[in-house]
Amino acid sequence: MSDPSTTPLDYYRVSYSERVRQELRILAARARERRMGAEVLAAIKEIDRRLRIYPQFGQPLSDLLLEPAQLWIGVVSPLVVHYYLDEKRRLVMVVDPIRPLSNSGL
């Protein structure tokens, strides 16, 4: 029997735009060329994990005027992610490409 505190209902649904997915493939290829593939892959997985279980790991940047959501920024070195968090619907939307930190070598 599963623990009620860790049921899938406790998770956030995460949506990545096609643009984000395409840019991640390009970023991963560049990371492999620079021998940073494992580090970038680990950061991508960690970003996804955090967005699903605790998207408030980042910092809020602004409230959206038309939707009950906020724009957030989060960092898992060597990457930065901007995302929209809709607490009411437990939805996270990543619509801007995930980028490398400045001076990360990517």
Protein backbone atom coordinates (compact mmCIF):
# COMPACT_ATOMS: atom_id res chain seq x y z
CA MET A 1 0.00 0.00 0.00
CA SER A 2 1.40 3.39 -0.93
CA ASP A 3 1.86 6.26 1.47
CA PRO A 4 -0.97 8.80 0.88
CA SER A 5 1.48 11.69 1.23
CA THR A 6 3.39 10.61 -1.90
CA THR A 7 0.57 9.79 -4.28
CA PRO A 8 0.68 11.17 -7.84
CA LEU A 9 -1.95 13.72 -6.79
CA ASP A 10 0.80 15.49 -4.86
CA TYR A 11 2.81 16.11 -8.02
CA TYR A 12 2.64 18.98 -10.48
CA ARG A 13 2.01 18.36 -14.16
CA VAL A 14 4.90 19.73 -16.23
CA SER A 15 4.53 20.81 -19.85
CA TYR A 16 7.46 21.58 -22.17
CA SER A 17 6.90 23.44 -25.42
CA GLU A 18 8.24 21.90 -28.61
CA ARG A 19 10.69 24.81 -28.87
CA VAL A 20 12.07 23.91 -25.43
CA ARG A 21 12.44 20.26 -26.46
CA GLN A 22 14.30 21.18 -29.67
CA GLU A 23 16.63 23.58 -27.87
CA LEU A 24 17.37 20.94 -25.21
CA ARG A 25 18.51 18.52 -27.91
CA ILE A 26 20.86 21.19 -29.30
CA LEU A 27 22.13 22.05 -25.80
CA ALA A 28 22.75 18.36 -25.01
CA ALA A 29 24.72 17.89 -28.24
CA ARG A 30 26.84 20.97 -27.49
CA ALA A 31 27.42 19.69 -23.93
CA ARG A 32 28.61 16.31 -25.25
CA GLU A 33 31.05 18.06 -27.61
CA ARG A 34 32.48 19.93 -24.62
CA ARG A 35 32.60 16.82 -22.43
CA MET A 36 29.85 18.15 -20.18
CA GLY A 37 27.15 15.75 -21.35
CA ALA A 38 26.74 13.89 -18.05
CA GLU A 39 26.62 17.11 -16.04
CA VAL A 40 23.99 18.70 -18.31
CA LEU A 41 21.89 15.53 -18.44
CA ALA A 42 21.93 15.33 -14.63
CA ALA A 43 20.87 19.00 -14.41
CA ILE A 44 18.02 18.46 -16.89
CA LYS A 45 16.75 15.47 -14.91
CA GLU A 46 17.00 17.38 -11.64
CA ILE A 47 15.13 20.39 -13.07
CA ASP A 48 12.34 18.09 -14.24
CA ARG A 49 12.21 16.32 -10.87
CA ARG A 50 12.01 19.58 -8.95
CA LEU A 51 9.35 21.04 -11.24
CA ARG A 52 7.21 17.95 -10.65
CA ILE A 53 7.51 17.78 -6.87
CA TYR A 54 8.43 21.30 -5.69
CA PRO A 55 8.45 23.99 -8.40
CA GLN A 56 8.83 26.66 -5.72
CA PHE A 57 12.56 25.79 -5.59
CA GLY A 58 13.17 28.84 -7.74
CA GLN A 59 12.34 32.51 -7.29
CA PRO A 60 9.17 34.22 -8.49
CA LEU A 61 9.79 37.00 -11.01
CA SER A 62 6.30 38.33 -11.70
CA ASP A 63 2.58 37.62 -11.57
CA LEU A 64 0.71 37.12 -14.81
CA LEU A 65 -2.12 39.57 -15.40
CA LEU A 66 -4.55 37.33 -17.26
CA GLU A 67 -3.90 33.99 -15.56
CA PRO A 68 -3.62 33.12 -11.88
CA ALA A 69 0.01 32.10 -12.40
CA GLN A 70 3.52 33.42 -11.82
CA LEU A 71 6.73 33.52 -13.84
CA TRP A 72 9.58 31.84 -11.95
CA ILE A 73 13.31 31.30 -12.46
CA GLY A 74 15.22 28.29 -11.17
CA VAL A 75 18.85 27.25 -11.33
CA VAL A 76 20.39 23.80 -11.30
CA SER A 77 23.98 24.35 -12.28
CA PRO A 78 24.97 24.66 -15.08
CA LEU A 79 21.41 25.45 -16.31
CA VAL A 80 18.74 28.12 -15.81
CA VAL A 81 15.03 27.55 -16.37
CA HIS A 82 12.21 30.10 -16.64
CA TYR A 83 8.77 28.64 -16.07
CA TYR A 84 5.18 29.51 -15.34
CA LEU A 85 3.61 28.09 -12.20
CA ASP A 86 -0.15 27.79 -11.82
CA GLU A 87 -0.66 26.64 -8.23
CA LYS A 88 -4.42 26.32 -8.54
CA ARG A 89 -4.19 23.83 -11.42
CA ARG A 90 -0.88 22.34 -10.16
CA LEU A 91 0.60 23.03 -13.57
CA VAL A 92 4.13 24.06 -14.58
CA MET A 93 4.76 25.31 -18.12
CA VAL A 94 8.25 25.64 -19.57
CA VAL A 95 7.92 27.68 -22.74
CA ASP A 96 11.30 29.43 -22.94
CA PRO A 97 14.38 27.33 -23.72
CA ILE A 98 16.47 26.16 -20.79
CA ARG A 99 19.77 28.01 -21.00
CA PRO A 100 23.28 27.53 -19.65
CA LEU A 101 24.51 29.77 -16.86
CA SER A 102 26.91 32.49 -17.92
CA ASN A 103 30.52 31.32 -17.81
CA SER A 104 29.44 27.67 -17.59
CA GLY A 105 31.51 26.65 -20.59
CA LEU A 106 28.45 25.98 -22.70
